[in-house]
PDB file of N, CA and C in Angstrom:
ATOM      1  N   MET A   1      -1.999  -8.642 -11.799  1.00  0.00           N
ATOM      2  CA  MET A   1      -0.840  -8.785 -12.653  1.00  0.00           C
ATOM      3  C   MET A   1      -1.237  -9.597 -13.885  1.00  0.00           C
ATOM      4  N   PRO A   2      -0.902  -9.117 -15.082  1.00  0.00           N
ATOM      5  CA  PRO A   2      -1.323  -9.825 -16.289  1.00  0.00           C
ATOM      6  C   PRO A   2      -0.595 -11.158 -16.443  1.00  0.00           C
ATOM      7  N   ALA A   3      -1.271 -12.088 -17.096  1.00  0.00           N
ATOM      8  CA  ALA A   3      -0.708 -13.424 -17.299  1.00  0.00           C
ATOM      9  C   ALA A   3       0.182 -13.486 -18.533  1.00  0.00           C
ATOM     10  N   HIS A   4       0.256 -12.423 -19.289  1.00  0.00           N
ATOM     11  CA  HIS A   4       1.084 -12.417 -20.496  1.00  0.00           C
ATOM     12  C   HIS A   4       2.154 -11.331 -20.385  1.00  0.00           C
ATOM     13  N   VAL A   5       3.138 -11.433 -21.231  1.00  0.00           N
ATOM     14  CA  VAL A   5       4.209 -10.443 -21.262  1.00  0.00           C
ATOM     15  C   VAL A   5       4.157  -9.753 -22.615  1.00  0.00           C
ATOM     16  N   GLU A   6       4.082  -8.454 -22.614  1.00  0.00           N
ATOM     17  CA  GLU A   6       4.103  -7.704 -23.858  1.00  0.00           C
ATOM     18  C   GLU A   6       5.512  -7.762 -24.439  1.00  0.00           C
ATOM     19  N   LEU A   7       5.604  -7.977 -25.727  1.00  0.00           N
ATOM     20  CA  LEU A   7       6.915  -8.074 -26.362  1.00  0.00           C
ATOM     21  C   LEU A   7       7.717  -6.793 -26.191  1.00  0.00           C
ATOM     22  N   GLU A   8       7.041  -5.660 -26.255  1.00  0.00           N
ATOM     23  CA  GLU A   8       7.745  -4.385 -26.133  1.00  0.00           C
ATOM     24  C   GLU A   8       8.445  -4.255 -24.786  1.00  0.00           C
ATOM     25  N   GLU A   9       7.893  -4.899 -23.755  1.00  0.00           N
ATOM     26  CA  GLU A   9       8.502  -4.820 -22.431  1.00  0.00           C
ATOM     27  C   GLU A   9       9.663  -5.798 -22.285  1.00  0.00           C
ATOM     28  N   PHE A  10       9.655  -6.869 -23.052  1.00  0.00           N
ATOM     29  CA  PHE A  10      10.691  -7.888 -22.944  1.00  0.00           C
ATOM     30  C   PHE A  10      11.840  -7.657 -23.920  1.00  0.00           C
ATOM     31  N   VAL A  11      11.548  -7.128 -25.082  1.00  0.00           N
ATOM     32  CA  VAL A  11      12.586  -6.880 -26.088  1.00  0.00           C
ATOM     33  C   VAL A  11      13.202  -5.522 -25.776  1.00  0.00           C
ATOM     34  N   THR A  12      14.302  -5.566 -25.051  1.00  0.00           N
ATOM     35  CA  THR A  12      15.003  -4.368 -24.594  1.00  0.00           C
ATOM     36  C   THR A  12      16.422  -4.384 -25.165  1.00  0.00           C
ATOM     37  N   PRO A  13      17.141  -3.282 -25.071  1.00  0.00           N
ATOM     38  CA  PRO A  13      18.534  -3.310 -25.534  1.00  0.00           C
ATOM     39  C   PRO A  13      19.343  -4.431 -24.876  1.00  0.00           C
ATOM     40  N   PHE A  14      19.139  -4.649 -23.580  1.00  0.00           N
ATOM     41  CA  PHE A  14      19.871  -5.709 -22.887  1.00  0.00           C
ATOM     42  C   PHE A  14      19.511  -7.084 -23.434  1.00  0.00           C
ATOM     43  N   SER A  15      18.211  -7.358 -23.613  1.00  0.00           N
ATOM     44  CA  SER A  15      17.804  -8.684 -24.092  1.00  0.00           C
ATOM     45  C   SER A  15      18.223  -8.915 -25.540  1.00  0.00           C
ATOM     46  N   VAL A  16      18.214  -7.875 -26.361  1.00  0.00           N
ATOM     47  CA  VAL A  16      18.651  -8.018 -27.756  1.00  0.00           C
ATOM     48  C   VAL A  16      20.144  -8.328 -27.799  1.00  0.00           C
ATOM     49  N   GLU A  17      20.932  -7.613 -27.004  1.00  0.00           N
ATOM     50  CA  GLU A  17      22.372  -7.893 -26.963  1.00  0.00           C
ATOM     51  C   GLU A  17      22.648  -9.299 -26.455  1.00  0.00           C
ATOM     52  N   LYS A  18      21.904  -9.724 -25.448  1.00  0.00           N
ATOM     53  CA  LYS A  18      22.079 -11.073 -24.893  1.00  0.00           C
ATOM     54  C   LYS A  18      21.720 -12.126 -25.941  1.00  0.00           C
ATOM     55  N   ALA A  19      20.623 -11.932 -26.657  1.00  0.00           N
ATOM     56  CA  ALA A  19      20.200 -12.889 -27.690  1.00  0.00           C
ATOM     57  C   ALA A  19      21.205 -12.922 -28.837  1.00  0.00           C
ATOM     58  N   HIS A  20      21.735 -11.762 -29.221  1.00  0.00           N
ATOM     59  CA  HIS A  20      22.713 -11.720 -30.310  1.00  0.00           C
ATOM     60  C   HIS A  20      24.007 -12.426 -29.885  1.00  0.00           C
ATOM     61  N   ALA A  21      24.420 -12.208 -28.651  1.00  0.00           N
ATOM     62  CA  ALA A  21      25.622 -12.895 -28.147  1.00  0.00           C
ATOM     63  C   ALA A  21      25.407 -14.401 -28.122  1.00  0.00           C
ATOM     64  N   ARG A  22      24.211 -14.828 -27.746  1.00  0.00           N
ATOM     65  CA  ARG A  22      23.899 -16.268 -27.737  1.00  0.00           C
ATOM     66  C   ARG A  22      23.912 -16.828 -29.153  1.00  0.00           C
ATOM     67  N   ALA A  23      23.449 -16.029 -30.114  1.00  0.00           N
ATOM     68  CA  ALA A  23      23.471 -16.461 -31.522  1.00  0.00           C
ATOM     69  C   ALA A  23      24.904 -16.646 -32.006  1.00  0.00           C
ATOM     70  N   LEU A  24      25.776 -15.726 -31.637  1.00  0.00           N
ATOM     71  CA  LEU A  24      27.184 -15.841 -32.035  1.00  0.00           C
ATOM     72  C   LEU A  24      27.820 -17.088 -31.432  1.00  0.00           C
ATOM     73  N   LYS A  25      27.491 -17.365 -30.167  1.00  0.00           N
ATOM     74  CA  LYS A  25      28.034 -18.556 -29.510  1.00  0.00           C
ATOM     75  C   LYS A  25      27.529 -19.827 -30.198  1.00  0.00           C
ATOM     76  N   ALA A  26      26.247 -19.881 -30.507  1.00  0.00           N
ATOM     77  CA  ALA A  26      25.676 -21.052 -31.181  1.00  0.00           C
ATOM     78  C   ALA A  26      26.292 -21.226 -32.570  1.00  0.00           C
ATOM     79  N   GLN A  27      26.553 -20.128 -33.242  1.00  0.00           N
ATOM     80  CA  GLN A  27      27.163 -20.201 -34.577  1.00  0.00           C
ATOM     81  C   GLN A  27      28.591 -20.742 -34.480  1.00  0.00           C
ATOM     82  N   GLN A  28      29.350 -20.288 -33.508  1.00  0.00           N
ATOM     83  CA  GLN A  28      30.717 -20.766 -33.340  1.00  0.00           C
ATOM     84  C   GLN A  28      30.759 -22.246 -32.988  1.00  0.00           C
ATOM     85  N   GLU A  29      29.740 -22.702 -32.256  1.00  0.00           N
ATOM     86  CA  GLU A  29      29.678 -24.112 -31.852  1.00  0.00           C
ATOM     87  C   GLU A  29      28.953 -24.983 -32.880  1.00  0.00           C
ATOM     88  N   TRP A  30      28.511 -24.392 -33.975  1.00  0.00           N
ATOM     89  CA  TRP A  30      27.748 -25.104 -35.006  1.00  0.00           C
ATOM     90  C   TRP A  30      26.541 -25.814 -34.409  1.00  0.00           C
ATOM     91  N   ASP A  31      25.861 -25.134 -33.504  1.00  0.00           N
ATOM     92  CA  ASP A  31      24.689 -25.691 -32.833  1.00  0.00           C
ATOM     93  C   ASP A  31      23.440 -25.394 -33.663  1.00  0.00           C
ATOM     94  N   TRP A  32      23.242 -26.199 -34.687  1.00  0.00           N
ATOM     95  CA  TRP A  32      22.126 -26.000 -35.614  1.00  0.00           C
ATOM     96  C   TRP A  32      20.789 -26.164 -34.910  1.00  0.00           C
ATOM     97  N   SER A  33      20.720 -27.044 -33.914  1.00  0.00           N
ATOM     98  CA  SER A  33      19.451 -27.275 -33.216  1.00  0.00           C
ATOM     99  C   SER A  33      18.978 -26.014 -32.488  1.00  0.00           C
ATOM    100  N   TRP A  34      19.916 -25.141 -32.126  1.00  0.00           N
ATOM    101  CA  TRP A  34      19.543 -23.903 -31.461  1.00  0.00           C
ATOM    102  C   TRP A  34      18.870 -22.948 -32.443  1.00  0.00           C
ATOM    103  N   ALA A  35      19.332 -22.919 -33.676  1.00  0.00           N
ATOM    104  CA  ALA A  35      18.820 -21.972 -34.664  1.00  0.00           C
ATOM    105  C   ALA A  35      17.543 -22.451 -35.355  1.00  0.00           C
ATOM    106  N   MET A  36      17.288 -23.744 -35.347  1.00  0.00           N
ATOM    107  CA  MET A  36      16.178 -24.283 -36.129  1.00  0.00           C
ATOM    108  C   MET A  36      14.785 -23.810 -35.691  1.00  0.00           C
ATOM    109  N   PRO A  37      14.480 -23.620 -34.393  1.00  0.00           N
ATOM    110  CA  PRO A  37      13.144 -23.085 -34.069  1.00  0.00           C
ATOM    111  C   PRO A  37      12.883 -21.728 -34.728  1.00  0.00           C
ATOM    112  N   GLY A  38      13.900 -20.893 -34.773  1.00  0.00           N
ATOM    113  CA  GLY A  38      13.768 -19.594 -35.431  1.00  0.00           C
ATOM    114  C   GLY A  38      13.616 -19.725 -36.932  1.00  0.00           C
ATOM    115  N   MET A  39      14.349 -20.664 -37.518  1.00  0.00           N
ATOM    116  CA  MET A  39      14.249 -20.876 -38.964  1.00  0.00           C
ATOM    117  C   MET A  39      12.855 -21.385 -39.333  1.00  0.00           C
ATOM    118  N   ARG A  40      12.324 -22.309 -38.534  1.00  0.00           N
ATOM    119  CA  ARG A  40      10.964 -22.811 -38.788  1.00  0.00           C
ATOM    120  C   ARG A  40       9.938 -21.689 -38.664  1.00  0.00           C
ATOM    121  N   ALA A  41      10.096 -20.855 -37.652  1.00  0.00           N
ATOM    122  CA  ALA A  41       9.165 -19.737 -37.456  1.00  0.00           C
ATOM    123  C   ALA A  41       9.279 -18.731 -38.599  1.00  0.00           C
ATOM    124  N   ALA A  42      10.495 -18.511 -39.094  1.00  0.00           N
ATOM    125  CA  ALA A  42      10.682 -17.584 -40.214  1.00  0.00           C
ATOM    126  C   ALA A  42      10.031 -18.141 -41.482  1.00  0.00           C
ATOM    127  N   ARG A  43      10.180 -19.428 -41.715  1.00  0.00           N
ATOM    128  CA  ARG A  43       9.543 -20.045 -42.891  1.00  0.00           C
ATOM    129  C   ARG A  43       8.023 -19.957 -42.814  1.00  0.00           C
ATOM    130  N   ALA A  44       7.492 -20.043 -41.588  1.00  0.00           N
ATOM    131  CA  ALA A  44       6.040 -19.985 -41.380  1.00  0.00           C
ATOM    132  C   ALA A  44       5.521 -18.550 -41.294  1.00  0.00           C
ATOM    133  N   ARG A  45       6.428 -17.591 -41.370  1.00  0.00           N
ATOM    134  CA  ARG A  45       6.088 -16.168 -41.235  1.00  0.00           C
ATOM    135  C   ARG A  45       5.323 -15.916 -39.930  1.00  0.00           C
ATOM    136  N   ASP A  46       5.840 -16.483 -38.851  1.00  0.00           N
ATOM    137  CA  ASP A  46       5.209 -16.340 -37.538  1.00  0.00           C
ATOM    138  C   ASP A  46       5.138 -14.857 -37.168  1.00  0.00           C
ATOM    139  N   PRO A  47       3.938 -14.350 -36.865  1.00  0.00           N
ATOM    140  CA  PRO A  47       3.807 -12.918 -36.572  1.00  0.00           C
ATOM    141  C   PRO A  47       4.578 -12.477 -35.332  1.00  0.00           C
ATOM    142  N   LYS A  48       4.707 -13.361 -34.358  1.00  0.00           N
ATOM    143  CA  LYS A  48       5.449 -13.018 -33.145  1.00  0.00           C
ATOM    144  C   LYS A  48       6.943 -12.855 -33.465  1.00  0.00           C
ATOM    145  N   LEU A  49       7.472 -13.742 -34.296  1.00  0.00           N
ATOM    146  CA  LEU A  49       8.876 -13.643 -34.697  1.00  0.00           C
ATOM    147  C   LEU A  49       9.109 -12.365 -35.502  1.00  0.00           C
ATOM    148  N   LEU A  50       8.200 -12.065 -36.429  1.00  0.00           N
ATOM    149  CA  LEU A  50       8.340 -10.843 -37.234  1.00  0.00           C
ATOM    150  C   LEU A  50       8.314  -9.600 -36.348  1.00  0.00           C
ATOM    151  N   LYS A  51       7.449  -9.602 -35.356  1.00  0.00           N
ATOM    152  CA  LYS A  51       7.375  -8.454 -34.442  1.00  0.00           C
ATOM    153  C   LYS A  51       8.675  -8.300 -33.659  1.00  0.00           C
ATOM    154  N   VAL A  52       9.224  -9.410 -33.200  1.00  0.00           N
ATOM    155  CA  VAL A  52      10.491  -9.358 -32.457  1.00  0.00           C
ATOM    156  C   VAL A  52      11.612  -8.852 -33.359  1.00  0.00           C
ATOM    157  N   LEU A  53      11.676  -9.339 -34.591  1.00  0.00           N
ATOM    158  CA  LEU A  53      12.712  -8.879 -35.520  1.00  0.00           C
ATOM    159  C   LEU A  53      12.588  -7.378 -35.771  1.00  0.00           C
ATOM    160  N   GLU A  54      11.359  -6.894 -35.909  1.00  0.00           N
ATOM    161  CA  GLU A  54      11.135  -5.466 -36.133  1.00  0.00           C
ATOM    162  C   GLU A  54      11.545  -4.657 -34.900  1.00  0.00           C
ATOM    163  N   LEU A  55      11.110  -5.089 -33.720  1.00  0.00           N
ATOM    164  CA  LEU A  55      11.466  -4.379 -32.488  1.00  0.00           C
ATOM    165  C   LEU A  55      12.973  -4.359 -32.268  1.00  0.00           C
ATOM    166  N   ALA A  56      13.609  -5.507 -32.468  1.00  0.00           N
ATOM    167  CA  ALA A  56      15.058  -5.590 -32.260  1.00  0.00           C
ATOM    168  C   ALA A  56      15.811  -4.694 -33.238  1.00  0.00           C
ATOM    169  N   SER A  57      15.360  -4.650 -34.486  1.00  0.00           N
ATOM    170  CA  SER A  57      15.997  -3.770 -35.475  1.00  0.00           C
ATOM    171  C   SER A  57      15.885  -2.313 -35.052  1.00  0.00           C
ATOM    172  N   ASN A  58      14.720  -1.927 -34.592  1.00  0.00           N
ATOM    173  CA  ASN A  58      14.529  -0.546 -34.135  1.00  0.00           C
ATOM    174  C   ASN A  58      15.392  -0.234 -32.919  1.00  0.00           C
ATOM    175  N   ILE A  59      15.501  -1.188 -32.007  1.00  0.00           N
ATOM    176  CA  ILE A  59      16.343  -0.995 -30.824  1.00  0.00           C
ATOM    177  C   ILE A  59      17.804  -0.852 -31.224  1.00  0.00           C
ATOM    178  N   LEU A  60      18.275  -1.713 -32.126  1.00  0.00           N
ATOM    179  CA  LEU A  60      19.669  -1.616 -32.578  1.00  0.00           C
ATOM    180  C   LEU A  60      19.933  -0.294 -33.289  1.00  0.00           C
ATOM    181  N   GLN A  61      18.971   0.178 -34.073  1.00  0.00           N
ATOM    182  CA  GLN A  61      19.144   1.470 -34.732  1.00  0.00           C
ATOM    183  C   GLN A  61      19.214   2.588 -33.701  1.00  0.00           C
ATOM    184  N   GLN A  62      18.360   2.530 -32.691  1.00  0.00           N
ATOM    185  CA  GLN A  62      18.387   3.561 -31.655  1.00  0.00           C
ATOM    186  C   GLN A  62      19.702   3.521 -30.875  1.00  0.00           C
ATOM    187  N   MET A  63      20.197   2.325 -30.594  1.00  0.00           N
ATOM    188  CA  MET A  63      21.479   2.198 -29.894  1.00  0.00           C
ATOM    189  C   MET A  63      22.604   2.807 -30.719  1.00  0.00           C
ATOM    190  N   GLU A  64      22.579   2.551 -32.021  1.00  0.00           N
ATOM    191  CA  GLU A  64      23.605   3.118 -32.905  1.00  0.00           C
ATOM    192  C   GLU A  64      23.524   4.641 -32.909  1.00  0.00           C
ATOM    193  N   GLU A  65      22.330   5.180 -32.992  1.00  0.00           N
ATOM    194  CA  GLU A  65      22.168   6.634 -32.995  1.00  0.00           C
ATOM    195  C   GLU A  65      22.574   7.244 -31.661  1.00  0.00           C
ATOM    196  N   ASP A  66      22.294   6.540 -30.578  1.00  0.00           N
ATOM    197  CA  ASP A  66      22.704   7.034 -29.263  1.00  0.00           C
ATOM    198  C   ASP A  66      24.229   7.082 -29.153  1.00  0.00           C
ATOM    199  N   GLN A  67      24.906   6.111 -29.741  1.00  0.00           N
ATOM    200  CA  GLN A  67      26.368   6.095 -29.694  1.00  0.00           C
ATOM    201  C   GLN A  67      26.959   7.208 -30.551  1.00  0.00           C
ATOM    202  N   ARG A  68      26.328   7.485 -31.675  1.00  0.00           N
ATOM    203  CA  ARG A  68      26.813   8.538 -32.568  1.00  0.00           C
ATOM    204  C   ARG A  68      26.410   9.925 -32.103  1.00  0.00           C
ATOM    205  N   LYS A  69      25.388   9.990 -31.272  1.00  0.00           N
ATOM    206  CA  LYS A  69      24.823  11.251 -30.799  1.00  0.00           C
ATOM    207  C   LYS A  69      24.187  12.038 -31.943  1.00  0.00           C
ATOM    208  N   ASP A  70      23.798  11.337 -32.995  1.00  0.00           N
ATOM    209  CA  ASP A  70      23.138  11.981 -34.120  1.00  0.00           C
ATOM    210  C   ASP A  70      22.233  10.965 -34.792  1.00  0.00           C
ATOM    211  N   SER A  71      21.241  11.437 -35.467  1.00  0.00           N
ATOM    212  CA  SER A  71      20.283  10.545 -36.103  1.00  0.00           C
ATOM    213  C   SER A  71      20.503  10.474 -37.610  1.00  0.00           C
ATOM    214  N   ARG A  72      20.522   9.281 -38.130  1.00  0.00           N
ATOM    215  CA  ARG A  72      20.652   9.056 -39.563  1.00  0.00           C
ATOM    216  C   ARG A  72      19.442   9.633 -40.292  1.00  0.00           C
ATOM    217  N   ARG A  73      18.310   9.701 -39.593  1.00  0.00           N
ATOM    218  CA  ARG A  73      17.074  10.161 -40.221  1.00  0.00           C
ATOM    219  C   ARG A  73      17.025  11.671 -40.371  1.00  0.00           C
ATOM    220  N   THR A  74      17.784  12.399 -39.556  1.00  0.00           N
ATOM    221  CA  THR A  74      17.682  13.859 -39.599  1.00  0.00           C
ATOM    222  C   THR A  74      18.979  14.554 -40.003  1.00  0.00           C
ATOM    223  N   ALA A  75      20.112  13.967 -39.730  1.00  0.00           N
ATOM    224  CA  ALA A  75      21.386  14.632 -40.020  1.00  0.00           C
ATOM    225  C   ALA A  75      21.864  14.271 -41.429  1.00  0.00           C
ATOM    226  N   GLU A  76      22.067  15.282 -42.229  1.00  0.00           N
ATOM    227  CA  GLU A  76      22.459  15.045 -43.620  1.00  0.00           C
ATOM    228  C   GLU A  76      23.793  14.325 -43.751  1.00  0.00           C
ATOM    229  N   LYS A  77      24.760  14.692 -42.914  1.00  0.00           N
ATOM    230  CA  LYS A  77      26.077  14.080 -43.057  1.00  0.00           C
ATOM    231  C   LYS A  77      26.087  12.602 -42.679  1.00  0.00           C
ATOM    232  N   PHE A  78      25.124  12.134 -41.881  1.00  0.00           N
ATOM    233  CA  PHE A  78      25.064  10.723 -41.501  1.00  0.00           C
ATOM    234  C   PHE A  78      24.080   9.927 -42.347  1.00  0.00           C
ATOM    235  N   ALA A  79      23.336  10.596 -43.209  1.00  0.00           N
ATOM    236  CA  ALA A  79      22.294   9.910 -43.985  1.00  0.00           C
ATOM    237  C   ALA A  79      22.870   8.864 -44.937  1.00  0.00           C
ATOM    238  N   GLU A  80      24.091   9.074 -45.392  1.00  0.00           N
ATOM    239  CA  GLU A  80      24.695   8.156 -46.358  1.00  0.00           C
ATOM    240  C   GLU A  80      25.704   7.195 -45.737  1.00  0.00           C
ATOM    241  N   THR A  81      25.884   7.254 -44.428  1.00  0.00           N
ATOM    242  CA  THR A  81      26.838   6.349 -43.786  1.00  0.00           C
ATOM    243  C   THR A  81      26.245   4.953 -43.672  1.00  0.00           C
ATOM    244  N   LYS A  82      27.108   3.976 -43.534  1.00  0.00           N
ATOM    245  CA  LYS A  82      26.676   2.580 -43.415  1.00  0.00           C
ATOM    246  C   LYS A  82      26.217   2.291 -41.991  1.00  0.00           C
ATOM    247  N   GLU A  83      25.264   1.369 -41.902  1.00  0.00           N
ATOM    248  CA  GLU A  83      24.797   0.926 -40.594  1.00  0.00           C
ATOM    249  C   GLU A  83      25.728  -0.164 -40.089  1.00  0.00           C
ATOM    250  N   THR A  84      25.648  -0.453 -38.791  1.00  0.00           N
ATOM    251  CA  THR A  84      26.475  -1.516 -38.237  1.00  0.00           C
ATOM    252  C   THR A  84      26.058  -2.859 -38.837  1.00  0.00           C
ATOM    253  N   THR A  85      26.972  -3.792 -38.821  1.00  0.00           N
ATOM    254  CA  THR A  85      26.704  -5.118 -39.384  1.00  0.00           C
ATOM    255  C   THR A  85      25.540  -5.792 -38.680  1.00  0.00           C
ATOM    256  N   GLU A  86      25.489  -5.677 -37.357  1.00  0.00           N
ATOM    257  CA  GLU A  86      24.404  -6.312 -36.600  1.00  0.00           C
ATOM    258  C   GLU A  86      23.054  -5.763 -37.024  1.00  0.00           C
ATOM    259  N   LEU A  87      22.959  -4.445 -37.145  1.00  0.00           N
ATOM    260  CA  LEU A  87      21.703  -3.830 -37.557  1.00  0.00           C
ATOM    261  C   LEU A  87      21.312  -4.286 -38.965  1.00  0.00           C
ATOM    262  N   GLN A  88      22.265  -4.323 -39.873  1.00  0.00           N
ATOM    263  CA  GLN A  88      21.976  -4.775 -41.233  1.00  0.00           C
ATOM    264  C   GLN A  88      21.477  -6.221 -41.240  1.00  0.00           C
ATOM    265  N   MET A  89      22.086  -7.076 -40.413  1.00  0.00           N
ATOM    266  CA  MET A  89      21.674  -8.480 -40.365  1.00  0.00           C
ATOM    267  C   MET A  89      20.259  -8.623 -39.818  1.00  0.00           C
ATOM    268  N   TRP A  90      19.928  -7.920 -38.755  1.00  0.00           N
ATOM    269  CA  TRP A  90      18.591  -8.017 -38.168  1.00  0.00           C
ATOM    270  C   TRP A  90      17.544  -7.457 -39.127  1.00  0.00           C
ATOM    271  N   ARG A  91      17.868  -6.377 -39.822  1.00  0.00           N
ATOM    272  CA  ARG A  91      16.918  -5.818 -40.798  1.00  0.00           C
ATOM    273  C   ARG A  91      16.700  -6.771 -41.968  1.00  0.00           C
ATOM    274  N   GLU A  92      17.776  -7.350 -42.450  1.00  0.00           N
ATOM    275  CA  GLU A  92      17.660  -8.294 -43.563  1.00  0.00           C
ATOM    276  C   GLU A  92      16.899  -9.543 -43.122  1.00  0.00           C
ATOM    277  N   ALA A  93      17.118  -9.977 -41.894  1.00  0.00           N
ATOM    278  CA  ALA A  93      16.369 -11.132 -41.369  1.00  0.00           C
ATOM    279  C   ALA A  93      14.882 -10.814 -41.342  1.00  0.00           C
ATOM    280  N   TYR A  94      14.542  -9.615 -40.923  1.00  0.00           N
ATOM    281  CA  TYR A  94      13.130  -9.217 -40.913  1.00  0.00           C
ATOM    282  C   TYR A  94      12.574  -9.173 -42.337  1.00  0.00           C
ATOM    283  N   ALA A  95      13.307  -8.550 -43.245  1.00  0.00           N
ATOM    284  CA  ALA A  95      12.815  -8.396 -44.623  1.00  0.00           C
ATOM    285  C   ALA A  95      12.614  -9.748 -45.302  1.00  0.00           C
ATOM    286  N   THR A  96      13.576 -10.646 -45.149  1.00  0.00           N
ATOM    287  CA  THR A  96      13.451 -11.945 -45.828  1.00  0.00           C
ATOM    288  C   THR A  96      12.363 -12.803 -45.194  1.00  0.00           C
ATOM    289  N   ALA A  97      12.224 -12.749 -43.879  1.00  0.00           N
ATOM    290  CA  ALA A  97      11.157 -13.517 -43.222  1.00  0.00           C
ATOM    291  C   ALA A  97       9.790 -12.949 -43.589  1.00  0.00           C
ATOM    292  N   ASP A  98       9.708 -11.641 -43.691  1.00  0.00           N
ATOM    293  CA  ASP A  98       8.438 -11.008 -44.041  1.00  0.00           C
ATOM    294  C   ASP A  98       8.011 -11.356 -45.471  1.00  0.00           C
ATOM    295  N   LYS A  99       8.979 -11.515 -46.358  1.00  0.00           N
ATOM    296  CA  LYS A  99       8.678 -11.904 -47.743  1.00  0.00           C
ATOM    297  C   LYS A  99       8.316 -13.378 -47.855  1.00  0.00           C
ATOM    298  N   GLY A 100       8.598 -14.135 -46.799  1.00  0.00           N
ATOM    299  CA  GLY A 100       8.335 -15.571 -46.839  1.00  0.00           C
ATOM    300  C   GLY A 100       9.460 -16.361 -47.464  1.00  0.00           C
ATOM    301  N   ASP A 101      10.625 -15.732 -47.596  1.00  0.00           N
ATOM    302  CA  ASP A 101      11.785 -16.378 -48.194  1.00  0.00           C
ATOM    303  C   ASP A 101      12.995 -16.188 -47.275  1.00  0.00           C
ATOM    304  N   PRO A 102      12.989 -16.838 -46.092  1.00  0.00           N
ATOM    305  CA  PRO A 102      14.089 -16.625 -45.146  1.00  0.00           C
ATOM    306  C   PRO A 102      15.421 -17.139 -45.687  1.00  0.00           C
ATOM    307  N   CYS A 103      16.457 -16.398 -45.393  1.00  0.00           N
ATOM    308  CA  CYS A 103      17.805 -16.728 -45.849  1.00  0.00           C
ATOM    309  C   CYS A 103      18.481 -17.624 -44.814  1.00  0.00           C
ATOM    310  N   GLU A 104      18.984 -18.755 -45.250  1.00  0.00           N
ATOM    311  CA  GLU A 104      19.617 -19.680 -44.315  1.00  0.00           C
ATOM    312  C   GLU A 104      20.870 -19.100 -43.679  1.00  0.00           C
ATOM    313  N   ASN A 105      21.498 -18.150 -44.331  1.00  0.00           N
ATOM    314  CA  ASN A 105      22.676 -17.508 -43.731  1.00  0.00           C
ATOM    315  C   ASN A 105      22.310 -16.713 -42.483  1.00  0.00           C
ATOM    316  N   LEU A 106      21.040 -16.372 -42.336  1.00  0.00           N
ATOM    317  CA  LEU A 106      20.590 -15.585 -41.189  1.00  0.00           C
ATOM    318  C   LEU A 106      19.902 -16.441 -40.132  1.00  0.00           C
ATOM    319  N   MET A 107      20.069 -17.759 -40.220  1.00  0.00           N
ATOM    320  CA  MET A 107      19.385 -18.647 -39.275  1.00  0.00           C
ATOM    321  C   MET A 107      19.734 -18.334 -37.827  1.00  0.00           C
ATOM    322  N   TRP A 108      20.915 -17.819 -37.586  1.00  0.00           N
ATOM    323  CA  TRP A 108      21.345 -17.519 -36.217  1.00  0.00           C
ATOM    324  C   TRP A 108      20.570 -16.309 -35.692  1.00  0.00           C
ATOM    325  N   ILE A 109      20.267 -15.361 -36.551  1.00  0.00           N
ATOM    326  CA  ILE A 109      19.457 -14.212 -36.148  1.00  0.00           C
ATOM    327  C   ILE A 109      18.023 -14.663 -35.876  1.00  0.00           C
ATOM    328  N   TYR A 110      17.506 -15.546 -36.734  1.00  0.00           N
ATOM    329  CA  TYR A 110      16.167 -16.086 -36.493  1.00  0.00           C
ATOM    330  C   TYR A 110      16.139 -16.845 -35.157  1.00  0.00           C
ATOM    331  N   GLY A 111      17.210 -17.547 -34.849  1.00  0.00           N
ATOM    332  CA  GLY A 111      17.296 -18.255 -33.569  1.00  0.00           C
ATOM    333  C   GLY A 111      17.278 -17.295 -32.397  1.00  0.00           C
ATOM    334  N   ALA A 112      18.023 -16.196 -32.530  1.00  0.00           N
ATOM    335  CA  ALA A 112      18.041 -15.186 -31.463  1.00  0.00           C
ATOM    336  C   ALA A 112      16.653 -14.580 -31.294  1.00  0.00           C
ATOM    337  N   ALA A 113      15.999 -14.293 -32.401  1.00  0.00           N
ATOM    338  CA  ALA A 113      14.651 -13.721 -32.338  1.00  0.00           C
ATOM    339  C   ALA A 113      13.670 -14.712 -31.723  1.00  0.00           C
ATOM    340  N   SER A 114      13.864 -16.001 -32.004  1.00  0.00           N
ATOM    341  CA  SER A 114      12.957 -16.997 -31.423  1.00  0.00           C
ATOM    342  C   SER A 114      13.122 -17.063 -29.902  1.00  0.00           C
ATOM    343  N   CYS A 115      14.332 -16.850 -29.414  1.00  0.00           N
ATOM    344  CA  CYS A 115      14.537 -16.785 -27.957  1.00  0.00           C
ATOM    345  C   CYS A 115      13.784 -15.595 -27.375  1.00  0.00           C
ATOM    346  N   LEU A 116      13.889 -14.465 -28.040  1.00  0.00           N
ATOM    347  CA  LEU A 116      13.199 -13.264 -27.566  1.00  0.00           C
ATOM    348  C   LEU A 116      11.687 -13.413 -27.654  1.00  0.00           C
ATOM    349  N   ALA A 117      11.225 -14.175 -28.644  1.00  0.00           N
ATOM    350  CA  ALA A 117       9.791 -14.385 -28.818  1.00  0.00           C
ATOM    351  C   ALA A 117       9.247 -15.406 -27.837  1.00  0.00           C
ATOM    352  N   GLY A 118      10.132 -16.194 -27.236  1.00  0.00           N
ATOM    353  CA  GLY A 118       9.707 -17.131 -26.212  1.00  0.00           C
ATOM    354  C   GLY A 118       9.551 -18.562 -26.667  1.00  0.00           C
ATOM    355  N   PHE A 119       9.910 -18.878 -27.912  1.00  0.00           N
ATOM    356  CA  PHE A 119       9.792 -20.268 -28.325  1.00  0.00           C
ATOM    357  C   PHE A 119      11.117 -20.886 -28.716  1.00  0.00           C
ATOM    358  N   GLY A 120      12.193 -20.222 -28.432  1.00  0.00           N
ATOM    359  CA  GLY A 120      13.523 -20.797 -28.610  1.00  0.00           C
ATOM    360  C   GLY A 120      14.127 -21.062 -27.243  1.00  0.00           C
ATOM    361  N   ARG A 121      15.287 -21.681 -27.225  1.00  0.00           N
ATOM    362  CA  ARG A 121      15.940 -21.937 -25.933  1.00  0.00           C
ATOM    363  C   ARG A 121      17.166 -21.036 -25.804  1.00  0.00           C
ATOM    364  N   TRP A 122      17.412 -20.615 -24.616  1.00  0.00           N
ATOM    365  CA  TRP A 122      18.569 -19.760 -24.344  1.00  0.00           C
ATOM    366  C   TRP A 122      19.766 -20.651 -24.158  1.00  0.00           C
TER     367      TRP A 122
END
């Protein structure tokens, strides 16, 4: 049995939803200490955090397409529709962290990603 866990095996639709729900709870409670490990990792452009943000964004997009029963990438009528707010937030969190300019408004998403990456607290 390997001593490490592959991110692809741990970042699942269930774990992404759980992390996002935890982020919402921390935001409602103004628990800044919960979000700060993710914010620090985003500022440092931590490759593990970036990978988690990318995987989670792809999972959320797939979940959205599964609910619609159609793909934004192939169906013309859905190509111009808006994505869900959660998907937009996770994508923007990835884009800003990848540029090295993380947005403080997305600190809760960075916190959720840090939990999924294994260096945040649940």
